[in-house]
Amino acid sequence: MSEIFLPMVAPGDVTIESVLWFAFQGNQLLVRKEEIRAEVPRVRDLAEIGLKPLRHQYLGRLGELHCFSAECDAQCPVPDGLHWAGLRSLFGILDDHHFAIAGRAVQIMDWDRSHQFCGRCGTPTVIKVGERARMCPSCEQTHYPRIAPAVMALVRRGDELLLARSPHFTPGMYSALAGFVEPGESLEHCLHREVKEEVGIEVTNLRYFASQPWPFPHSLMIAFDCDYAAGEIHPDPSEIEAAAWFTLDHLPTLPNPISISRKLIDATLDRMRSGG
């Protein structure tokens, strides 16, 4: 079976025999979980395992397997042999392809739930055929899934990295700086503004690293590394609890490997160790 995921808004005129169900209760995914492995249910219909979801959405196809997301209510019973689990806890034990689709699923499910009524006039919306959208039959407003872009900046000064911690972080953990892009901003403008606002310094030589969909709840993280230019660290107390320069031999607790922040930090550390 090909492991390429093909996003689609409808399955077309095919008989669906094999389905991967990404069923959620809130932000908890339904899985069959063992000690070092988890998998999502593979049944033609959720009724086969006793579930009646509030609504469901077609996601696309992974090889020959069709993929659906589904929303279950808070009183939904847990089928025998299955468990509700948060996405973060499933990293590394859920198949990588399935984990990525689960991130897509929870965002589409959340969007669908949040746009059952038109935000402009309050009329119940309907699915727009052929698009990932809901449309208002009254005022004709079209509601698409929203993605919130956020820029991440890892600042380097010689053999030091600037890392900071937010008050909501795990105790002792530090990470790269990050902030959401505002209307009318470029990614570069956002990066300069966020670094200046959060820690009071200026940066230069911005270099794109990578991006990562981040379904907590609907962000797209766009990561850069950059060089220190000027200024002294003055953390914004409303967002930053602490910030400091760290050397290779004196690093704090770092983010989970699932995150693009950790990938960015690790890649930069490897480059520094090799003299780059």
Protein backbone atom coordinates (compact mmCIF):
# COMPACT_ATOMS: atom_id res chain seq x y z
CA MET A 1 0.00 0.00 0.00
CA SER A 2 1.26 3.48 -0.91
CA GLU A 3 1.78 5.67 2.16
CA ILE A 4 1.05 8.92 0.33
CA PHE A 5 -1.90 10.83 1.79
CA LEU A 6 -4.17 12.47 -0.78
CA PRO A 7 -6.36 15.19 0.76
CA MET A 8 -9.89 15.19 -0.64
CA VAL A 9 -13.22 16.74 0.29
CA ALA A 10 -15.39 13.85 -0.94
CA PRO A 11 -14.70 10.18 -1.69
CA GLY A 12 -16.29 10.25 -5.14
CA ASP A 13 -18.29 7.44 -6.64
CA VAL A 14 -16.50 4.56 -4.96
CA THR A 15 -17.53 1.84 -2.58
CA ILE A 16 -15.81 2.47 0.74
CA GLU A 17 -14.70 -0.79 2.28
CA SER A 18 -11.70 0.16 4.43
CA VAL A 19 -11.83 3.29 6.59
CA LEU A 20 -9.46 4.80 9.14
CA TRP A 21 -11.57 6.67 11.68
CA PHE A 22 -10.04 9.62 13.52
CA ALA A 23 -12.78 9.98 16.11
CA PHE A 24 -12.50 12.63 18.80
CA GLN A 25 -14.16 13.39 22.09
CA GLY A 26 -13.09 16.98 22.61
CA ASN A 27 -9.39 16.84 21.73
CA GLN A 28 -9.02 13.18 22.74
CA LEU A 29 -8.49 10.69 19.90
CA LEU A 30 -10.02 7.21 20.01
CA VAL A 31 -7.27 4.58 19.76
CA ARG A 32 -6.48 0.98 20.50
CA LYS A 33 -3.47 1.49 22.75
CA GLU A 34 -0.77 -0.88 23.88
CA GLU A 35 2.40 -0.09 25.80
CA ILE A 36 4.52 1.05 22.84
CA ARG A 37 1.98 1.18 20.03
CA ALA A 38 -1.37 2.77 19.26
CA GLU A 39 -3.67 2.60 16.26
CA VAL A 40 -6.91 4.23 15.18
CA PRO A 41 -10.01 2.11 14.50
CA ARG A 42 -10.24 0.56 11.04
CA VAL A 43 -13.92 -0.22 10.45
CA ARG A 44 -16.36 0.60 7.66
CA ASP A 45 -18.73 2.43 10.00
CA LEU A 46 -18.33 3.60 13.61
CA ALA A 47 -21.66 1.96 14.39
CA GLU A 48 -19.79 -1.36 14.18
CA ILE A 49 -18.04 -0.44 17.45
CA GLY A 50 -21.11 1.15 19.01
CA LEU A 51 -20.44 4.84 18.24
CA LYS A 52 -22.89 7.38 16.85
CA PRO A 53 -20.87 10.55 16.14
CA LEU A 54 -22.47 13.99 16.15
CA ARG A 55 -20.97 14.66 12.72
CA HIS A 56 -18.15 13.43 10.53
CA GLN A 57 -15.91 14.82 7.79
CA TYR A 58 -14.14 13.12 4.90
CA LEU A 59 -10.39 13.80 4.93
CA GLY A 60 -8.92 11.96 1.97
CA ARG A 61 -7.15 8.72 1.19
CA LEU A 62 -4.02 7.10 2.57
CA GLY A 63 -3.10 4.58 -0.07
CA GLU A 64 -6.28 2.50 -0.45
CA LEU A 65 -7.65 3.51 2.94
CA HIS A 66 -10.27 6.25 3.15
CA CYS A 67 -9.91 8.56 6.16
CA PHE A 68 -12.67 10.27 8.14
CA SER A 69 -12.73 12.49 11.19
CA ALA A 70 -15.64 12.31 13.60
CA GLU A 71 -16.86 14.22 16.64
CA CYS A 72 -18.37 12.32 19.56
CA ASP A 73 -20.23 13.92 22.46
CA ALA A 74 -18.94 14.04 26.02
CA GLN A 75 -21.22 11.19 27.14
CA CYS A 76 -20.13 8.87 24.34
CA PRO A 77 -19.19 5.46 25.81
CA VAL A 78 -15.72 4.07 25.19
CA PRO A 79 -15.90 0.96 22.97
CA ASP A 80 -14.37 -2.21 24.39
CA GLY A 81 -10.61 -2.35 23.94
CA LEU A 82 -10.31 1.33 22.95
CA HIS A 83 -9.26 4.48 24.81
CA TRP A 84 -9.45 8.26 24.47
CA ALA A 85 -5.95 9.80 24.35
CA GLY A 86 -4.48 13.26 23.77
CA LEU A 87 -2.47 13.70 20.57
CA ARG A 88 0.70 14.74 22.39
CA SER A 89 0.74 11.47 24.33
CA LEU A 90 0.51 9.50 21.07
CA PHE A 91 3.65 10.89 19.46
CA GLY A 92 6.05 8.07 18.71
CA ILE A 93 3.55 5.27 19.34
CA LEU A 94 0.99 6.17 16.65
CA ASP A 95 2.08 5.59 13.05
CA ASP A 96 3.69 8.81 11.72
CA HIS A 97 1.28 9.05 8.79
CA HIS A 98 -1.68 8.49 11.08
CA PHE A 99 -0.37 11.07 13.57
CA ALA A 100 -0.14 13.69 10.80
CA ILE A 101 -3.65 12.89 9.58
CA ALA A 102 -4.93 13.05 13.17
CA GLY A 103 -3.56 16.60 13.39
CA ARG A 104 -5.40 17.49 10.20
CA ALA A 105 -8.53 15.72 11.45
CA VAL A 106 -8.80 17.60 14.74
CA GLN A 107 -8.46 20.95 12.97
CA ILE A 108 -11.10 20.16 10.35
CA MET A 109 -13.41 18.75 13.02
CA ASP A 110 -12.99 21.87 15.17
CA TRP A 111 -13.63 24.16 12.16
CA ASP A 112 -16.74 22.20 11.15
CA ARG A 113 -18.13 22.34 14.70
CA SER A 114 -17.42 26.07 15.02
CA HIS A 115 -19.08 27.02 11.74
CA GLN A 116 -22.45 25.31 11.96
CA PHE A 117 -23.91 28.83 11.96
CA CYS A 118 -22.90 31.84 9.90
CA GLY A 119 -20.79 34.32 11.85
CA ARG A 120 -22.24 37.18 9.80
CA CYS A 121 -26.01 36.57 10.05
CA GLY A 122 -26.50 33.51 12.27
CA THR A 123 -28.14 31.30 9.64
CA PRO A 124 -27.33 27.55 9.74
CA THR A 125 -24.60 26.83 7.20
CA VAL A 126 -24.39 24.03 4.64
CA ILE A 127 -21.42 22.18 3.16
CA LYS A 128 -20.18 23.73 -0.07
CA VAL A 129 -19.90 21.01 -2.69
CA GLY A 130 -16.41 20.48 -4.08
CA GLU A 131 -14.61 22.63 -1.48
CA ARG A 132 -13.49 22.39 2.13
CA ALA A 133 -15.95 25.11 3.09
CA ARG A 134 -19.33 25.80 4.65
CA MET A 135 -21.64 28.34 3.04
CA CYS A 136 -24.47 30.46 4.37
CA PRO A 137 -27.59 30.01 2.21
CA SER A 138 -28.90 33.38 3.40
CA CYS A 139 -26.07 35.90 2.97
CA GLU A 140 -23.84 33.61 0.85
CA GLN A 141 -20.82 34.09 3.09
CA THR A 142 -18.32 31.23 2.62
CA HIS A 143 -16.48 29.95 5.69
CA TYR A 144 -13.14 28.23 5.08
CA PRO A 145 -10.92 26.52 7.68
CA ARG A 146 -8.71 29.13 9.34
CA ILE A 147 -4.98 28.68 9.87
CA ALA A 148 -3.09 30.95 12.25
CA PRO A 149 0.53 31.45 11.05
CA ALA A 150 3.14 31.89 13.77
CA VAL A 151 6.83 32.68 13.39
CA MET A 152 9.51 31.02 15.51
CA ALA A 153 12.96 32.58 15.98
CA LEU A 154 16.09 30.94 17.36
CA VAL A 155 18.69 33.64 17.95
CA ARG A 156 22.41 32.78 17.87
CA ARG A 157 25.28 34.87 19.22
CA GLY A 158 28.57 33.14 18.47
CA ASP A 159 28.51 29.90 20.47
CA GLU A 160 25.40 30.89 22.45
CA LEU A 161 21.67 30.47 21.84
CA LEU A 162 18.96 32.73 23.19
CA LEU A 163 16.24 30.60 24.81
CA ALA A 164 13.24 31.73 26.80
CA ARG A 165 10.37 30.31 28.78
CA SER A 166 6.71 31.23 28.93
CA PRO A 167 4.84 31.00 32.26
CA HIS A 168 2.77 28.08 30.91
CA PHE A 169 5.82 25.93 30.03
CA THR A 170 6.77 22.84 31.99
CA PRO A 171 9.00 23.94 34.93
CA GLY A 172 12.59 24.38 33.79
CA MET A 173 11.89 24.12 30.07
CA TYR A 174 13.16 26.76 27.64
CA SER A 175 12.50 27.14 23.92
CA ALA A 176 12.89 29.45 20.94
CA LEU A 177 10.87 32.66 20.73
CA ALA A 178 7.57 32.61 18.83
CA GLY A 179 4.58 34.78 18.05
CA PHE A 180 1.58 35.05 15.75
CA VAL A 181 1.68 36.98 12.50
CA GLU A 182 -0.53 40.07 12.54
CA PRO A 183 -2.69 41.26 9.61
CA GLY A 184 -0.57 43.02 6.99
CA GLU A 185 2.75 41.62 8.26
CA SER A 186 5.32 39.62 6.35
CA LEU A 187 6.96 36.70 8.15
CA GLU A 188 10.21 38.67 8.36
CA HIS A 189 8.51 41.73 9.82
CA CYS A 190 6.75 39.54 12.37
CA LEU A 191 10.02 37.91 13.43
CA HIS A 192 11.79 41.25 14.01
CA ARG A 193 8.77 42.62 15.90
CA GLU A 194 8.25 39.56 18.11
CA VAL A 195 11.91 39.28 19.13
CA LYS A 196 12.04 42.99 19.93
CA GLU A 197 8.78 42.90 21.90
CA GLU A 198 9.52 39.72 23.83
CA VAL A 199 13.18 40.17 24.79
CA GLY A 200 14.19 43.67 23.62
CA ILE A 201 16.95 42.74 21.16
CA GLU A 202 17.48 43.16 17.43
CA VAL A 203 18.41 40.38 14.99
CA THR A 204 19.80 39.99 11.48
CA ASN A 205 20.51 37.31 8.84
CA LEU A 206 17.16 35.55 8.99
CA ARG A 207 17.30 31.99 7.61
CA TYR A 208 14.23 29.86 6.95
CA PHE A 209 14.43 26.43 8.62
CA ALA A 210 11.12 24.57 8.17
CA SER A 211 7.40 24.73 8.90
CA GLN A 212 5.10 22.45 10.86
CA PRO A 213 1.32 22.25 11.14
CA TRP A 214 0.57 22.53 14.84
CA PRO A 215 -2.97 21.41 15.68
CA PHE A 216 -3.08 22.90 19.19
CA PRO A 217 -5.50 24.17 18.03
CA HIS A 218 -4.88 25.41 14.45
CA SER A 219 -1.47 26.99 13.97
CA LEU A 220 1.17 26.78 11.26
CA MET A 221 4.61 27.26 12.81
CA ILE A 222 7.22 28.76 10.47
CA ALA A 223 10.70 28.48 11.97
CA PHE A 224 13.79 30.61 11.34
CA ASP A 225 17.21 30.87 12.87
CA CYS A 226 18.92 34.25 12.92
CA ASP A 227 21.88 36.14 14.33
CA TYR A 228 22.07 38.58 17.22
CA ALA A 229 22.53 42.20 16.09
CA ALA A 230 22.17 44.50 19.11
CA GLY A 231 20.57 45.13 22.48
CA GLU A 232 20.33 43.63 25.96
CA ILE A 233 17.79 41.04 27.10
CA HIS A 234 14.75 42.67 28.71
CA PRO A 235 11.93 40.08 28.86
CA ASP A 236 8.35 41.26 28.44
CA PRO A 237 6.82 40.05 31.75
CA SER A 238 3.40 39.62 30.17
CA GLU A 239 4.74 36.88 27.86
CA ILE A 240 8.23 35.82 28.95
CA GLU A 241 9.03 34.50 32.41
CA ALA A 242 12.78 34.23 31.80
CA ALA A 243 15.26 34.48 28.91
CA ALA A 244 19.01 33.96 28.75
CA TRP A 245 21.98 33.01 26.57
CA PHE A 246 22.93 29.33 26.79
CA THR A 247 26.11 27.58 25.66
CA LEU A 248 26.47 24.06 24.28
CA ASP A 249 27.68 22.69 27.61
CA HIS A 250 25.03 24.44 29.69
CA LEU A 251 21.61 23.84 28.14
CA PRO A 252 18.26 23.89 29.97
CA THR A 253 15.46 21.36 29.54
CA LEU A 254 14.37 21.53 25.89
CA PRO A 255 10.97 20.99 24.24
CA ASN A 256 9.57 17.61 23.25
CA PRO A 257 11.07 16.11 20.04
CA ILE A 258 7.62 16.28 18.45
CA SER A 259 7.89 20.05 18.14
CA ILE A 260 9.51 22.09 15.42
CA SER A 261 11.16 24.17 18.14
CA ARG A 262 13.16 21.13 19.26
CA LYS A 263 14.04 20.22 15.66
CA LEU A 264 15.23 23.79 15.10
CA ILE A 265 17.30 23.80 18.29
CA ASP A 266 18.82 20.37 17.60
CA ALA A 267 19.75 21.28 14.01
CA THR A 268 21.42 24.50 15.18
CA LEU A 269 23.29 22.71 17.97
CA ASP A 270 24.57 20.11 15.47
CA ARG A 271 25.81 22.90 13.21
CA MET A 272 27.52 24.64 16.11
CA ARG A 273 29.22 21.42 17.24
CA SER A 274 30.57 20.88 13.74
CA GLY A 275 31.96 24.42 13.64
CA GLY A 276 29.26 25.82 11.34
